[in-house]
Amino acid sequence: MAKLLTDAATLRVADLPKGRTQPFDIVPDADARAALADALGIVALRKLTFRGTLAPLGRHDWRLTAELGATAVQACVATLAPVTTRIDTRIERRFLSDMPAPAELEATPEDGIEIPQDDSEEPLGDLIDLARILHEALALALPDYPRADGAGIMAAQAAPPGSAPLRDEDLKPFAGLAGLKAKLESDG
């Protein structure tokens, strides 16, 4: 991931105040929003805020609680017209000191690396990268297939040169089954 935000978005765990909550408020400027929109493959990010707290959780662990707000512009999957989406989502992460880092997990021959059931838990390292969390949460919150108002279902047509195109309406996959059923019933 390209450098999208300032170094203030990366917190050193050793510098966090022991026993106290650390607030954060990230409001990227236009250049950072444009870079993030490009990294996400969307048209634009008009607004983006990431506000929350990082609070101690026991003696060695930390809990991140935040609100992500964004106004994203994506291309419609049917017409390529711009589609504006408002995103307001709550984010929670727990950074645990006794959780193994992904590089330390052992792959099994059957199913690769086991993914924990609780996806809000992360291993606690030397740094907590708020920019990475923002990027990940925004990517997950964006609509997968944005559609402009009035964009209908597109019909696919294909044909070799000189012949009539085959349309979706022309395909009747179960019509042959009705004939087969009738034949089987008459035969037997």
N, C-alpha and C. Protein backbone atom coordinates (compact mmCIF):
# COMPACT_ATOMS: atom_id res chain seq x y z
N MET A 1 0.84 -1.17 0.00
CA MET A 1 0.00 0.00 0.00
C MET A 1 0.89 1.23 0.00
N ALA A 2 0.60 2.15 -0.88
CA ALA A 2 1.37 3.38 -0.97
C ALA A 2 1.17 4.22 0.28
N LYS A 3 2.11 5.10 0.51
CA LYS A 3 2.02 6.01 1.65
C LYS A 3 0.85 6.96 1.41
N LEU A 4 -0.25 6.76 2.11
CA LEU A 4 -1.46 7.53 1.87
C LEU A 4 -1.69 8.62 2.91
N LEU A 5 -1.20 8.41 4.10
CA LEU A 5 -1.44 9.35 5.18
C LEU A 5 -0.12 9.70 5.85
N THR A 6 -0.16 10.68 6.70
CA THR A 6 1.05 11.12 7.39
C THR A 6 1.51 10.07 8.39
N ASP A 7 2.71 10.30 8.92
CA ASP A 7 3.24 9.38 9.93
C ASP A 7 2.43 9.39 11.21
N ALA A 8 1.59 10.42 11.41
CA ALA A 8 0.73 10.48 12.60
C ALA A 8 -0.27 9.33 12.62
N ALA A 9 -0.49 8.68 11.49
CA ALA A 9 -1.42 7.56 11.41
C ALA A 9 -0.77 6.25 11.86
N THR A 10 0.52 6.28 12.18
CA THR A 10 1.21 5.11 12.68
C THR A 10 1.63 5.38 14.12
N LEU A 11 1.14 4.55 15.03
CA LEU A 11 1.42 4.75 16.45
C LEU A 11 2.39 3.69 16.94
N ARG A 12 3.44 4.15 17.61
CA ARG A 12 4.37 3.21 18.24
C ARG A 12 3.76 2.75 19.57
N VAL A 13 3.66 1.46 19.76
CA VAL A 13 3.04 0.91 20.96
C VAL A 13 3.82 1.34 22.20
N ALA A 14 5.14 1.40 22.12
CA ALA A 14 5.97 1.79 23.26
C ALA A 14 5.71 3.24 23.68
N ASP A 15 5.22 4.08 22.75
CA ASP A 15 4.97 5.49 23.07
C ASP A 15 3.54 5.76 23.55
N LEU A 16 2.67 4.75 23.51
CA LEU A 16 1.30 4.95 23.95
C LEU A 16 1.27 5.13 25.47
N PRO A 17 0.44 6.04 25.97
CA PRO A 17 0.38 6.28 27.41
C PRO A 17 -0.17 5.06 28.14
N LYS A 18 0.55 4.55 29.09
CA LYS A 18 0.13 3.36 29.84
C LYS A 18 -1.08 3.69 30.71
N GLY A 19 -2.11 2.88 30.61
CA GLY A 19 -3.27 3.05 31.45
C GLY A 19 -4.20 4.18 31.03
N ARG A 20 -3.97 4.81 29.88
CA ARG A 20 -4.83 5.92 29.44
C ARG A 20 -5.29 5.70 28.00
N THR A 21 -6.45 6.23 27.73
CA THR A 21 -7.01 6.13 26.38
C THR A 21 -6.35 7.18 25.48
N GLN A 22 -6.03 6.77 24.26
CA GLN A 22 -5.40 7.65 23.28
C GLN A 22 -6.40 7.93 22.16
N PRO A 23 -6.92 9.17 22.07
CA PRO A 23 -7.85 9.48 20.97
C PRO A 23 -7.09 9.73 19.67
N PHE A 24 -7.77 9.52 18.55
CA PHE A 24 -7.20 9.88 17.25
C PHE A 24 -8.31 10.41 16.36
N ASP A 25 -7.92 11.28 15.45
CA ASP A 25 -8.86 11.92 14.54
C ASP A 25 -8.13 12.13 13.22
N ILE A 26 -8.43 11.29 12.24
CA ILE A 26 -7.75 11.35 10.95
C ILE A 26 -8.74 11.87 9.91
N VAL A 27 -8.40 12.99 9.30
CA VAL A 27 -9.20 13.59 8.23
C VAL A 27 -8.22 13.86 7.08
N PRO A 28 -8.08 12.91 6.15
CA PRO A 28 -7.12 13.07 5.06
C PRO A 28 -7.44 14.26 4.16
N ASP A 29 -6.38 14.90 3.66
CA ASP A 29 -6.57 16.01 2.73
C ASP A 29 -6.92 15.48 1.34
N ALA A 30 -7.16 16.39 0.40
CA ALA A 30 -7.60 16.00 -0.95
C ALA A 30 -6.60 15.08 -1.64
N ASP A 31 -5.30 15.34 -1.49
CA ASP A 31 -4.29 14.49 -2.14
C ASP A 31 -4.30 13.07 -1.56
N ALA A 32 -4.42 12.96 -0.24
CA ALA A 32 -4.45 11.64 0.39
C ALA A 32 -5.73 10.88 0.00
N ARG A 33 -6.87 11.61 -0.08
CA ARG A 33 -8.11 10.96 -0.50
C ARG A 33 -8.01 10.48 -1.95
N ALA A 34 -7.39 11.29 -2.81
CA ALA A 34 -7.23 10.90 -4.21
C ALA A 34 -6.33 9.67 -4.33
N ALA A 35 -5.26 9.62 -3.54
CA ALA A 35 -4.36 8.46 -3.57
C ALA A 35 -5.08 7.21 -3.06
N LEU A 36 -5.88 7.36 -2.02
CA LEU A 36 -6.61 6.22 -1.48
C LEU A 36 -7.68 5.75 -2.48
N ALA A 37 -8.38 6.68 -3.12
CA ALA A 37 -9.38 6.32 -4.14
C ALA A 37 -8.71 5.55 -5.27
N ASP A 38 -7.54 6.00 -5.69
CA ASP A 38 -6.80 5.32 -6.75
C ASP A 38 -6.40 3.91 -6.30
N ALA A 39 -5.92 3.78 -5.07
CA ALA A 39 -5.52 2.47 -4.54
C ALA A 39 -6.71 1.52 -4.45
N LEU A 40 -7.90 2.06 -4.18
CA LEU A 40 -9.10 1.24 -4.07
C LEU A 40 -9.78 0.99 -5.41
N GLY A 41 -9.34 1.69 -6.47
CA GLY A 41 -9.92 1.52 -7.79
C GLY A 41 -11.29 2.16 -7.92
N ILE A 42 -11.51 3.27 -7.21
CA ILE A 42 -12.79 3.96 -7.30
C ILE A 42 -12.56 5.34 -7.90
N VAL A 43 -13.63 6.03 -8.27
CA VAL A 43 -13.54 7.33 -8.94
C VAL A 43 -13.00 8.40 -8.00
N ALA A 44 -13.60 8.51 -6.79
CA ALA A 44 -13.20 9.58 -5.87
C ALA A 44 -13.68 9.29 -4.46
N LEU A 45 -13.03 9.95 -3.52
CA LEU A 45 -13.49 10.01 -2.13
C LEU A 45 -13.72 11.48 -1.82
N ARG A 46 -14.97 11.88 -1.68
CA ARG A 46 -15.26 13.30 -1.43
C ARG A 46 -14.99 13.68 0.01
N LYS A 47 -15.36 12.81 0.92
CA LYS A 47 -15.15 13.05 2.35
C LYS A 47 -14.61 11.78 2.97
N LEU A 48 -13.80 11.94 4.01
CA LEU A 48 -13.27 10.78 4.70
C LEU A 48 -12.84 11.19 6.10
N THR A 49 -13.40 10.53 7.10
CA THR A 49 -12.99 10.75 8.49
C THR A 49 -12.84 9.40 9.17
N PHE A 50 -11.88 9.34 10.07
CA PHE A 50 -11.62 8.13 10.85
C PHE A 50 -11.30 8.61 12.26
N ARG A 51 -12.28 8.48 13.14
CA ARG A 51 -12.14 9.00 14.51
C ARG A 51 -12.39 7.89 15.50
N GLY A 52 -11.60 7.90 16.57
CA GLY A 52 -11.81 6.88 17.58
C GLY A 52 -10.83 6.98 18.71
N THR A 53 -10.72 5.89 19.44
CA THR A 53 -9.81 5.81 20.57
C THR A 53 -9.07 4.48 20.55
N LEU A 54 -7.92 4.52 21.16
CA LEU A 54 -7.12 3.33 21.40
C LEU A 54 -6.99 3.24 22.91
N ALA A 55 -7.61 2.22 23.51
CA ALA A 55 -7.67 2.12 24.96
C ALA A 55 -6.95 0.86 25.43
N PRO A 56 -6.32 0.93 26.60
CA PRO A 56 -5.66 -0.27 27.13
C PRO A 56 -6.69 -1.36 27.40
N LEU A 57 -6.28 -2.58 27.15
CA LEU A 57 -7.11 -3.75 27.38
C LEU A 57 -6.26 -4.73 28.18
N GLY A 58 -6.39 -4.67 29.47
CA GLY A 58 -5.51 -5.46 30.32
C GLY A 58 -4.15 -4.80 30.42
N ARG A 59 -3.13 -5.57 30.71
CA ARG A 59 -1.78 -5.01 30.93
C ARG A 59 -1.00 -4.76 29.65
N HIS A 60 -1.23 -5.60 28.61
CA HIS A 60 -0.38 -5.51 27.43
C HIS A 60 -1.14 -5.29 26.13
N ASP A 61 -2.43 -5.42 26.15
CA ASP A 61 -3.22 -5.39 24.93
C ASP A 61 -3.92 -4.03 24.76
N TRP A 62 -4.43 -3.80 23.54
CA TRP A 62 -5.10 -2.53 23.23
C TRP A 62 -6.37 -2.80 22.44
N ARG A 63 -7.37 -1.94 22.64
CA ARG A 63 -8.64 -2.02 21.92
C ARG A 63 -8.83 -0.73 21.13
N LEU A 64 -9.07 -0.88 19.83
CA LEU A 64 -9.36 0.26 18.97
C LEU A 64 -10.86 0.27 18.71
N THR A 65 -11.49 1.41 18.95
CA THR A 65 -12.89 1.61 18.64
C THR A 65 -12.97 2.89 17.83
N ALA A 66 -13.58 2.83 16.65
CA ALA A 66 -13.59 4.00 15.77
C ALA A 66 -14.84 4.05 14.92
N GLU A 67 -15.06 5.22 14.36
CA GLU A 67 -16.13 5.46 13.39
C GLU A 67 -15.47 5.88 12.08
N LEU A 68 -15.85 5.22 11.02
CA LEU A 68 -15.37 5.56 9.68
C LEU A 68 -16.52 6.18 8.92
N GLY A 69 -16.30 7.38 8.42
CA GLY A 69 -17.30 8.04 7.59
C GLY A 69 -16.68 8.42 6.27
N ALA A 70 -17.38 8.15 5.19
CA ALA A 70 -16.83 8.46 3.86
C ALA A 70 -17.96 8.69 2.87
N THR A 71 -17.68 9.51 1.88
CA THR A 71 -18.55 9.66 0.72
C THR A 71 -17.72 9.22 -0.48
N ALA A 72 -18.07 8.08 -1.02
CA ALA A 72 -17.31 7.47 -2.10
C ALA A 72 -18.06 7.56 -3.42
N VAL A 73 -17.33 7.75 -4.50
CA VAL A 73 -17.90 7.77 -5.84
C VAL A 73 -17.28 6.62 -6.61
N GLN A 74 -18.14 5.72 -7.11
CA GLN A 74 -17.71 4.56 -7.88
C GLN A 74 -18.41 4.59 -9.23
N ALA A 75 -17.88 3.85 -10.18
CA ALA A 75 -18.51 3.72 -11.49
C ALA A 75 -19.58 2.64 -11.42
N CYS A 76 -20.76 2.91 -11.99
CA CYS A 76 -21.84 1.94 -12.06
C CYS A 76 -21.36 0.74 -12.87
N VAL A 77 -21.68 -0.47 -12.40
CA VAL A 77 -21.23 -1.68 -13.11
C VAL A 77 -21.95 -1.88 -14.44
N ALA A 78 -23.10 -1.24 -14.62
CA ALA A 78 -23.85 -1.41 -15.87
C ALA A 78 -23.62 -0.27 -16.85
N THR A 79 -23.56 0.98 -16.37
CA THR A 79 -23.51 2.13 -17.27
C THR A 79 -22.23 2.94 -17.16
N LEU A 80 -21.42 2.69 -16.14
CA LEU A 80 -20.21 3.45 -15.82
C LEU A 80 -20.51 4.88 -15.35
N ALA A 81 -21.78 5.19 -15.12
CA ALA A 81 -22.15 6.50 -14.56
C ALA A 81 -21.66 6.56 -13.11
N PRO A 82 -21.32 7.74 -12.62
CA PRO A 82 -20.86 7.84 -11.22
C PRO A 82 -21.99 7.52 -10.24
N VAL A 83 -21.66 6.72 -9.22
CA VAL A 83 -22.60 6.35 -8.17
C VAL A 83 -21.99 6.80 -6.85
N THR A 84 -22.71 7.66 -6.12
CA THR A 84 -22.22 8.16 -4.85
C THR A 84 -22.83 7.35 -3.72
N THR A 85 -21.97 6.91 -2.80
CA THR A 85 -22.39 6.09 -1.67
C THR A 85 -21.89 6.73 -0.38
N ARG A 86 -22.76 6.82 0.61
CA ARG A 86 -22.35 7.31 1.93
C ARG A 86 -22.09 6.09 2.80
N ILE A 87 -20.92 6.09 3.45
CA ILE A 87 -20.51 4.99 4.31
C ILE A 87 -20.34 5.52 5.72
N ASP A 88 -21.01 4.92 6.67
CA ASP A 88 -20.83 5.20 8.09
C ASP A 88 -20.77 3.85 8.78
N THR A 89 -19.61 3.50 9.29
CA THR A 89 -19.44 2.19 9.89
C THR A 89 -18.59 2.26 11.15
N ARG A 90 -18.85 1.36 12.05
CA ARG A 90 -18.11 1.27 13.31
C ARG A 90 -17.05 0.19 13.16
N ILE A 91 -15.88 0.47 13.68
CA ILE A 91 -14.75 -0.45 13.57
C ILE A 91 -14.23 -0.78 14.96
N GLU A 92 -14.00 -2.05 15.19
CA GLU A 92 -13.39 -2.49 16.45
C GLU A 92 -12.27 -3.47 16.14
N ARG A 93 -11.16 -3.26 16.81
CA ARG A 93 -10.02 -4.18 16.70
C ARG A 93 -9.43 -4.37 18.09
N ARG A 94 -8.96 -5.57 18.34
CA ARG A 94 -8.23 -5.85 19.58
C ARG A 94 -6.84 -6.30 19.18
N PHE A 95 -5.85 -5.62 19.70
CA PHE A 95 -4.45 -5.95 19.43
C PHE A 95 -3.94 -6.72 20.62
N LEU A 96 -3.65 -8.01 20.41
CA LEU A 96 -3.31 -8.93 21.50
C LEU A 96 -1.84 -9.31 21.46
N SER A 97 -1.18 -9.16 22.60
CA SER A 97 0.26 -9.44 22.67
C SER A 97 0.56 -10.93 22.58
N ASP A 98 -0.37 -11.79 22.99
CA ASP A 98 -0.10 -13.23 22.97
C ASP A 98 -0.59 -13.93 21.71
N MET A 99 -1.03 -13.16 20.72
CA MET A 99 -1.50 -13.73 19.46
C MET A 99 -0.32 -13.82 18.49
N PRO A 100 -0.13 -14.97 17.83
CA PRO A 100 1.00 -15.08 16.90
C PRO A 100 0.80 -14.21 15.66
N ALA A 101 1.89 -13.67 15.16
CA ALA A 101 1.85 -12.89 13.93
C ALA A 101 1.57 -13.83 12.76
N PRO A 102 0.99 -13.33 11.64
CA PRO A 102 0.68 -14.22 10.51
C PRO A 102 1.89 -15.01 10.01
N ALA A 103 3.08 -14.45 10.07
CA ALA A 103 4.27 -15.16 9.60
C ALA A 103 4.59 -16.34 10.51
N GLU A 104 4.13 -16.30 11.76
CA GLU A 104 4.42 -17.37 12.71
C GLU A 104 3.41 -18.51 12.64
N LEU A 105 2.29 -18.32 11.96
CA LEU A 105 1.28 -19.37 11.85
C LEU A 105 1.79 -20.46 10.93
N GLU A 106 1.49 -21.68 11.29
CA GLU A 106 1.94 -22.81 10.49
C GLU A 106 0.85 -23.22 9.50
N ALA A 107 1.27 -23.43 8.26
CA ALA A 107 0.33 -23.89 7.23
C ALA A 107 0.14 -25.39 7.38
N THR A 108 -1.08 -25.84 7.15
CA THR A 108 -1.36 -27.26 7.14
C THR A 108 -1.53 -27.69 5.69
N PRO A 109 -1.18 -28.94 5.36
CA PRO A 109 -1.28 -29.37 3.97
C PRO A 109 -2.71 -29.33 3.43
N GLU A 110 -3.70 -29.54 4.28
CA GLU A 110 -5.07 -29.61 3.82
C GLU A 110 -5.66 -28.24 3.51
N ASP A 111 -5.48 -27.27 4.40
CA ASP A 111 -6.21 -26.03 4.24
C ASP A 111 -5.39 -24.77 4.44
N GLY A 112 -4.11 -24.82 4.29
CA GLY A 112 -3.30 -23.60 4.39
C GLY A 112 -3.24 -23.08 5.81
N ILE A 113 -3.27 -21.78 5.95
CA ILE A 113 -3.18 -21.16 7.27
C ILE A 113 -4.57 -21.02 7.86
N GLU A 114 -4.70 -21.41 9.12
CA GLU A 114 -5.98 -21.30 9.78
C GLU A 114 -6.28 -19.84 10.10
N ILE A 115 -7.47 -19.41 9.74
CA ILE A 115 -7.89 -18.04 9.99
C ILE A 115 -8.72 -18.03 11.26
N PRO A 116 -8.41 -17.13 12.20
CA PRO A 116 -9.19 -17.12 13.44
C PRO A 116 -10.65 -16.75 13.19
N GLN A 117 -11.54 -17.26 14.06
CA GLN A 117 -12.97 -16.98 13.93
C GLN A 117 -13.27 -15.50 14.13
N ASP A 118 -12.59 -14.86 15.08
CA ASP A 118 -12.84 -13.46 15.41
C ASP A 118 -11.89 -12.59 14.59
N ASP A 119 -12.42 -11.94 13.53
CA ASP A 119 -11.56 -11.14 12.66
C ASP A 119 -11.25 -9.76 13.23
N SER A 120 -11.73 -9.46 14.43
CA SER A 120 -11.40 -8.18 15.06
C SER A 120 -10.12 -8.29 15.88
N GLU A 121 -9.57 -9.48 16.02
CA GLU A 121 -8.34 -9.67 16.79
C GLU A 121 -7.13 -9.65 15.86
N GLU A 122 -6.10 -8.93 16.29
CA GLU A 122 -4.86 -8.85 15.52
C GLU A 122 -3.69 -8.99 16.48
N PRO A 123 -2.58 -9.50 15.97
CA PRO A 123 -1.40 -9.57 16.84
C PRO A 123 -0.86 -8.17 17.12
N LEU A 124 -0.41 -7.94 18.34
CA LEU A 124 0.17 -6.66 18.71
C LEU A 124 1.65 -6.67 18.35
N GLY A 125 2.02 -5.77 17.49
CA GLY A 125 3.43 -5.63 17.12
C GLY A 125 4.00 -4.37 17.74
N ASP A 126 5.05 -3.83 17.14
CA ASP A 126 5.66 -2.60 17.64
C ASP A 126 4.86 -1.37 17.22
N LEU A 127 4.08 -1.50 16.12
CA LEU A 127 3.33 -0.37 15.58
C LEU A 127 1.87 -0.73 15.39
N ILE A 128 1.01 0.28 15.52
CA ILE A 128 -0.39 0.13 15.14
C ILE A 128 -0.60 1.11 14.00
N ASP A 129 -0.88 0.57 12.81
CA ASP A 129 -1.00 1.37 11.59
C ASP A 129 -2.46 1.71 11.34
N LEU A 130 -2.85 2.92 11.75
CA LEU A 130 -4.23 3.37 11.58
C LEU A 130 -4.59 3.52 10.11
N ALA A 131 -3.61 3.90 9.27
CA ALA A 131 -3.87 4.05 7.83
C ALA A 131 -4.25 2.70 7.22
N ARG A 132 -3.59 1.63 7.62
CA ARG A 132 -3.91 0.29 7.11
C ARG A 132 -5.31 -0.12 7.54
N ILE A 133 -5.66 0.17 8.78
CA ILE A 133 -6.99 -0.18 9.29
C ILE A 133 -8.06 0.61 8.53
N LEU A 134 -7.82 1.90 8.32
CA LEU A 134 -8.75 2.73 7.56
C LEU A 134 -8.93 2.18 6.15
N HIS A 135 -7.82 1.89 5.48
CA HIS A 135 -7.85 1.36 4.10
C HIS A 135 -8.65 0.06 4.06
N GLU A 136 -8.36 -0.86 4.96
CA GLU A 136 -9.03 -2.16 4.99
C GLU A 136 -10.52 -2.01 5.25
N ALA A 137 -10.88 -1.21 6.25
CA ALA A 137 -12.29 -1.03 6.61
C ALA A 137 -13.07 -0.37 5.47
N LEU A 138 -12.47 0.61 4.82
CA LEU A 138 -13.13 1.28 3.70
C LEU A 138 -13.32 0.32 2.53
N ALA A 139 -12.31 -0.46 2.22
CA ALA A 139 -12.40 -1.43 1.13
C ALA A 139 -13.54 -2.44 1.38
N LEU A 140 -13.69 -2.86 2.62
CA LEU A 140 -14.75 -3.82 2.96
C LEU A 140 -16.14 -3.19 2.96
N ALA A 141 -16.22 -1.88 3.22
CA ALA A 141 -17.51 -1.20 3.31
C ALA A 141 -18.05 -0.75 1.95
N LEU A 142 -17.18 -0.64 0.95
CA LEU A 142 -17.64 -0.17 -0.37
C LEU A 142 -18.55 -1.21 -1.02
N PRO A 143 -19.59 -0.76 -1.73
CA PRO A 143 -20.45 -1.72 -2.45
C PRO A 143 -19.63 -2.46 -3.52
N ASP A 144 -19.86 -3.76 -3.61
CA ASP A 144 -19.14 -4.56 -4.61
C ASP A 144 -19.59 -4.26 -6.04
N TYR A 145 -20.88 -4.03 -6.22
CA TYR A 145 -21.44 -3.80 -7.55
C TYR A 145 -22.37 -2.59 -7.52
N PRO A 146 -21.80 -1.39 -7.50
CA PRO A 146 -22.65 -0.19 -7.44
C PRO A 146 -23.46 -0.02 -8.72
N ARG A 147 -24.72 0.39 -8.56
CA ARG A 147 -25.61 0.60 -9.70
C ARG A 147 -26.21 1.98 -9.64
N ALA A 148 -26.21 2.67 -10.76
CA ALA A 148 -26.85 3.97 -10.87
C ALA A 148 -28.36 3.78 -10.86
N ASP A 149 -29.09 4.79 -10.40
CA ASP A 149 -30.55 4.73 -10.43
C ASP A 149 -31.01 4.54 -11.88
N GLY A 150 -31.90 3.60 -12.09
CA GLY A 150 -32.44 3.36 -13.42
C GLY A 150 -31.60 2.44 -14.29
N ALA A 151 -30.45 1.99 -13.80
CA ALA A 151 -29.62 1.07 -14.59
C ALA A 151 -30.27 -0.30 -14.53
N GLY A 152 -30.74 -0.77 -15.66
CA GLY A 152 -31.41 -2.06 -15.73
C GLY A 152 -30.42 -3.20 -15.87
N ILE A 153 -30.97 -4.37 -15.95
CA ILE A 153 -30.14 -5.55 -16.16
C ILE A 153 -29.74 -5.58 -17.63
N MET A 154 -28.47 -5.77 -17.86
CA MET A 154 -27.97 -5.79 -19.23
C MET A 154 -28.18 -7.18 -19.83
N ALA A 155 -28.60 -7.22 -21.08
CA ALA A 155 -28.78 -8.48 -21.79
C ALA A 155 -27.54 -8.74 -22.65
N ALA A 156 -27.08 -9.97 -22.62
CA ALA A 156 -25.92 -10.34 -23.42
C ALA A 156 -26.37 -10.96 -24.73
N GLN A 157 -25.71 -10.57 -25.82
CA GLN A 157 -25.99 -11.14 -27.12
C GLN A 157 -24.67 -11.47 -27.81
N ALA A 158 -24.65 -12.58 -28.51
CA ALA A 158 -23.45 -12.97 -29.24
C ALA A 158 -23.84 -13.75 -30.48
N ALA A 159 -23.08 -13.54 -31.56
CA ALA A 159 -23.35 -14.28 -32.79
C ALA A 159 -22.16 -14.15 -33.72
N PRO A 160 -21.93 -15.18 -34.53
CA PRO A 160 -20.89 -15.05 -35.54
C PRO A 160 -21.36 -14.07 -36.62
N PRO A 161 -20.45 -13.49 -37.38
CA PRO A 161 -20.84 -12.53 -38.42
C PRO A 161 -21.83 -13.16 -39.40
N GLY A 162 -22.88 -12.41 -39.72
CA GLY A 162 -23.86 -12.85 -40.70
C GLY A 162 -25.02 -13.64 -40.13
N SER A 163 -25.04 -13.94 -38.83
CA SER A 163 -26.16 -14.68 -38.26
C SER A 163 -26.83 -13.85 -37.17
N ALA A 164 -28.04 -14.23 -36.84
CA ALA A 164 -28.79 -13.50 -35.82
C ALA A 164 -28.19 -13.78 -34.45
N PRO A 165 -28.10 -12.75 -33.61
CA PRO A 165 -27.52 -12.98 -32.27
C PRO A 165 -28.43 -13.85 -31.40
N LEU A 166 -27.82 -14.65 -30.56
CA LEU A 166 -28.55 -15.49 -29.62
C LEU A 166 -28.81 -14.64 -28.37
N ARG A 167 -30.07 -14.49 -28.02
CA ARG A 167 -30.44 -13.65 -26.88
C ARG A 167 -30.76 -14.53 -25.68
N ASP A 168 -30.74 -13.91 -24.49
CA ASP A 168 -31.07 -14.65 -23.27
C ASP A 168 -32.47 -15.23 -23.34
N GLU A 169 -33.41 -14.50 -23.97
CA GLU A 169 -34.79 -14.98 -24.06
C GLU A 169 -34.90 -16.22 -24.93
N ASP A 170 -33.97 -16.40 -25.87
CA ASP A 170 -34.01 -17.54 -26.77
C ASP A 170 -33.58 -18.83 -26.08
N LEU A 171 -32.86 -18.69 -25.00
CA LEU A 171 -32.37 -19.87 -24.29
C LEU A 171 -33.44 -20.36 -23.33
N LYS A 172 -33.82 -21.59 -23.48
CA LYS A 172 -34.82 -22.18 -22.59
C LYS A 172 -34.25 -23.50 -22.11
N PRO A 173 -33.40 -23.45 -21.06
CA PRO A 173 -32.67 -24.64 -20.65
C PRO A 173 -33.54 -25.79 -20.16
N PHE A 174 -34.75 -25.51 -19.70
CA PHE A 174 -35.59 -26.58 -19.17
C PHE A 174 -36.63 -27.07 -20.16
N ALA A 175 -36.70 -26.46 -21.34
CA ALA A 175 -37.68 -26.88 -22.34
C ALA A 175 -37.42 -28.32 -22.78
N GLY A 176 -36.18 -28.68 -22.95
CA GLY A 176 -35.84 -30.04 -23.35
C GLY A 176 -36.21 -31.07 -22.29
N LEU A 177 -36.16 -30.66 -21.03
CA LEU A 177 -36.51 -31.58 -19.95
C LEU A 177 -38.00 -31.92 -19.97
N ALA A 178 -38.84 -30.96 -20.33
CA ALA A 178 -40.29 -31.22 -20.40
C ALA A 178 -40.58 -32.26 -21.48
N GLY A 179 -39.91 -32.14 -22.62
CA GLY A 179 -40.09 -33.11 -23.69
C GLY A 179 -39.59 -34.49 -23.29
N LEU A 180 -38.44 -34.54 -22.60
CA LEU A 180 -37.89 -35.82 -22.15
C LEU A 180 -38.82 -36.47 -21.13
N LYS A 181 -39.38 -35.67 -20.23
CA LYS A 181 -40.30 -36.20 -19.24
C LYS A 181 -41.53 -36.80 -19.91
N ALA A 182 -42.08 -36.07 -20.89
CA ALA A 182 -43.26 -36.56 -21.60
C ALA A 182 -42.96 -37.87 -22.32
N LYS A 183 -41.77 -37.97 -22.94
CA LYS A 183 -41.39 -39.19 -23.65
C LYS A 183 -41.23 -40.36 -22.69
N LEU A 184 -40.60 -40.12 -21.54
CA LEU A 184 -40.41 -41.17 -20.55
C LEU A 184 -41.75 -41.66 -19.99
N GLU A 185 -42.67 -40.74 -19.78
CA GLU A 185 -43.99 -41.13 -19.27
C GLU A 185 -44.77 -41.92 -20.31
N SER A 186 -44.64 -41.57 -21.59
CA SER A 186 -45.38 -42.31 -22.63
C SER A 186 -44.77 -43.69 -22.88
N ASP A 187 -43.43 -43.83 -22.65
CA ASP A 187 -42.77 -45.11 -22.87
C ASP A 187 -43.03 -46.08 -21.71
N GLY A 188 -43.34 -45.52 -20.60
CA GLY A 188 -43.34 -46.46 -19.57
C GLY A 188 -44.11 -46.58 -18.43
